[in-house]
Protein backbone atom coordinates (compact mmCIF):
# COMPACT_ATOMS: atom_id res chain seq x y z
CA UNK A 1 -0.20 0.10 0.33
CA UNK A 2 1.58 3.55 -1.22
CA UNK A 3 -1.32 5.37 0.31
CA UNK A 4 -4.69 5.67 1.52
CA UNK A 5 -7.37 7.97 2.45
CA UNK A 6 -10.68 7.74 4.20
CA UNK A 7 -13.95 9.39 4.19
CA UNK A 8 -15.82 9.23 7.14
CA UNK A 9 -19.84 10.18 8.37
CA UNK A 10 -20.52 10.19 3.94
CA UNK A 11 -24.22 10.90 4.24
CA UNK A 12 -25.35 7.92 2.27
CA UNK A 13 -26.25 4.39 3.20
CA UNK A 14 -23.21 1.85 2.69
CA UNK A 15 -25.33 -0.03 -0.08
CA UNK A 16 -25.78 2.97 -2.27
CA UNK A 17 -21.81 3.58 -1.81
CA UNK A 18 -20.88 0.18 -2.42
CA UNK A 19 -22.47 0.38 -6.19
CA UNK A 20 -20.24 2.61 -6.94
CA UNK A 21 -17.00 1.92 -5.58
CA UNK A 22 -17.53 -1.94 -6.65
CA UNK A 23 -17.34 -0.19 -9.86
CA UNK A 24 -13.99 1.40 -9.83
CA UNK A 25 -12.19 -1.47 -7.24
CA UNK A 26 -9.14 -2.73 -8.94
CA UNK A 27 -9.14 0.16 -11.73
CA UNK A 28 -6.03 2.69 -12.36
CA UNK A 29 -6.81 6.33 -11.32
CA UNK A 30 -7.40 7.85 -14.94
CA UNK A 31 -10.33 4.98 -15.44
CA UNK A 32 -11.45 5.42 -11.87
CA UNK A 33 -11.71 8.96 -12.07
CA UNK A 34 -13.49 8.77 -15.79
CA UNK A 35 -15.85 6.48 -14.18
CA UNK A 36 -16.67 8.69 -11.28
CA UNK A 37 -17.09 11.65 -13.40
CA UNK A 38 -20.06 10.02 -15.86
CA UNK A 39 -21.77 8.28 -12.78
CA UNK A 40 -25.05 10.07 -12.19
CA UNK A 41 -25.20 8.34 -8.52
CA UNK A 42 -24.15 11.46 -5.72
CA UNK A 43 -21.83 9.69 -3.74
CA UNK A 44 -19.60 9.92 -7.00
CA UNK A 45 -18.75 13.37 -6.17
CA UNK A 46 -17.29 12.60 -2.81
CA UNK A 47 -15.51 9.92 -4.28
CA UNK A 48 -13.81 11.48 -6.73
CA UNK A 49 -12.31 14.00 -3.79
CA UNK A 50 -11.49 11.15 -1.52
CA UNK A 51 -9.36 9.43 -4.74
CA UNK A 52 -7.89 12.64 -5.80
CA UNK A 53 -6.81 12.79 -2.11
CA UNK A 54 -5.28 9.38 -1.66
CA UNK A 55 -3.54 10.59 -5.05
CA UNK A 56 -1.92 13.67 -3.26
CA UNK A 57 -1.30 11.45 -0.13
CA UNK A 58 0.91 9.11 -2.44
CA UNK A 59 2.83 11.86 -4.17
CA UNK A 60 3.42 13.78 -0.85
CA UNK A 61 4.42 10.52 1.00
CA UNK A 62 7.28 9.23 -2.10
CA UNK A 63 8.11 12.19 -4.56
CA UNK A 64 9.26 9.87 -7.32
CA UNK A 65 5.92 8.19 -7.33
CA UNK A 66 4.36 7.49 -10.96
CA UNK A 67 0.69 8.65 -10.81
CA UNK A 68 0.31 6.68 -14.07
CA UNK A 69 0.85 3.17 -12.06
CA UNK A 70 -1.15 3.75 -9.40
CA UNK A 71 -4.30 1.45 -9.00
CA UNK A 72 -7.08 1.22 -6.38
CA UNK A 73 -5.78 -2.49 -4.60
CA UNK A 74 -8.57 -1.91 -1.77
CA UNK A 75 -11.82 0.03 -1.67
CA UNK A 76 -14.17 -0.89 1.11
CA UNK A 77 -17.71 0.53 2.12
CA UNK A 78 -18.17 0.30 6.32
CA UNK A 79 -21.34 1.47 7.86
CA UNK A 80 -21.07 4.19 10.28
CA UNK A 81 -23.56 5.56 13.17
CA UNK A 82 -26.88 6.15 11.96
CA UNK A 83 -28.97 9.66 12.81
CA UNK A 84 -32.08 8.22 14.54
CA UNK A 85 -34.90 10.57 14.02
CA UNK A 86 -38.95 10.02 14.40
CA UNK A 87 -41.97 11.58 12.98
CA UNK A 88 -45.56 11.36 14.24
CA UNK A 89 -47.68 8.39 12.72
CA UNK A 90 -51.37 7.79 12.93
CA UNK A 91 -53.00 7.12 16.25
CA UNK A 92 -50.38 9.06 18.08
CA UNK A 93 -47.77 6.68 17.34
CA UNK A 94 -43.76 7.28 16.54
CA UNK A 95 -42.65 6.15 13.29
CA UNK A 96 -38.77 6.12 13.44
CA UNK A 97 -36.64 7.18 10.61
CA UNK A 98 -32.88 6.18 10.04
CA UNK A 99 -30.61 8.26 8.06
CA UNK A 100 -27.91 5.90 7.35
CA UNK A 101 -24.09 6.99 7.11
CA UNK A 102 -21.15 5.21 5.88
CA UNK A 103 -17.45 5.14 6.25
CA UNK A 104 -15.19 4.86 2.51
CA UNK A 105 -11.56 4.10 2.70
CA UNK A 106 -9.55 3.52 -0.51
CA UNK A 107 -5.73 2.23 -0.48
CA UNK A 108 -3.59 2.79 -3.67
CA UNK A 109 -0.68 0.67 -4.78
CA UNK A 110 1.72 0.49 -7.72
CA UNK A 111 0.91 -1.76 -10.35
CA UNK A 112 3.81 -3.94 -11.49
CA UNK A 113 5.64 -2.64 -14.85
CA UNK A 114 4.32 -5.42 -17.33
CA UNK A 115 0.79 -6.21 -16.20
CA UNK A 116 -2.01 -3.83 -17.17
CA UNK A 117 -4.83 -5.93 -16.55
CA UNK A 118 -7.90 -4.74 -14.14
CA UNK A 119 -8.28 -6.41 -10.70
CA UNK A 120 -11.40 -7.05 -8.43
């Protein structure tokens, strides 16, 4: 692992975030950024910022890292604590509302020179 970046308490459910993360796992940086740019999912904008942050972390950590050889080695989404609210229901009842949050982690690594196939 060359670098990683973690996005905590993202305002989306883990299930919805995993749909986008599964598309970019194992891809190189240029392909992943292009995929996130054309994605219609709202979480894709946050993942785009997270990916550029991970690349900046890699450049900050090792000055001679080749950005073209970086790829997303691990990407996963964990559930964060849910925001619990409620609203009144019929006949004086309480109707709970759970607003789910997620923690998203991206780890970058350098791909071997001869291997340009997509992992995942």
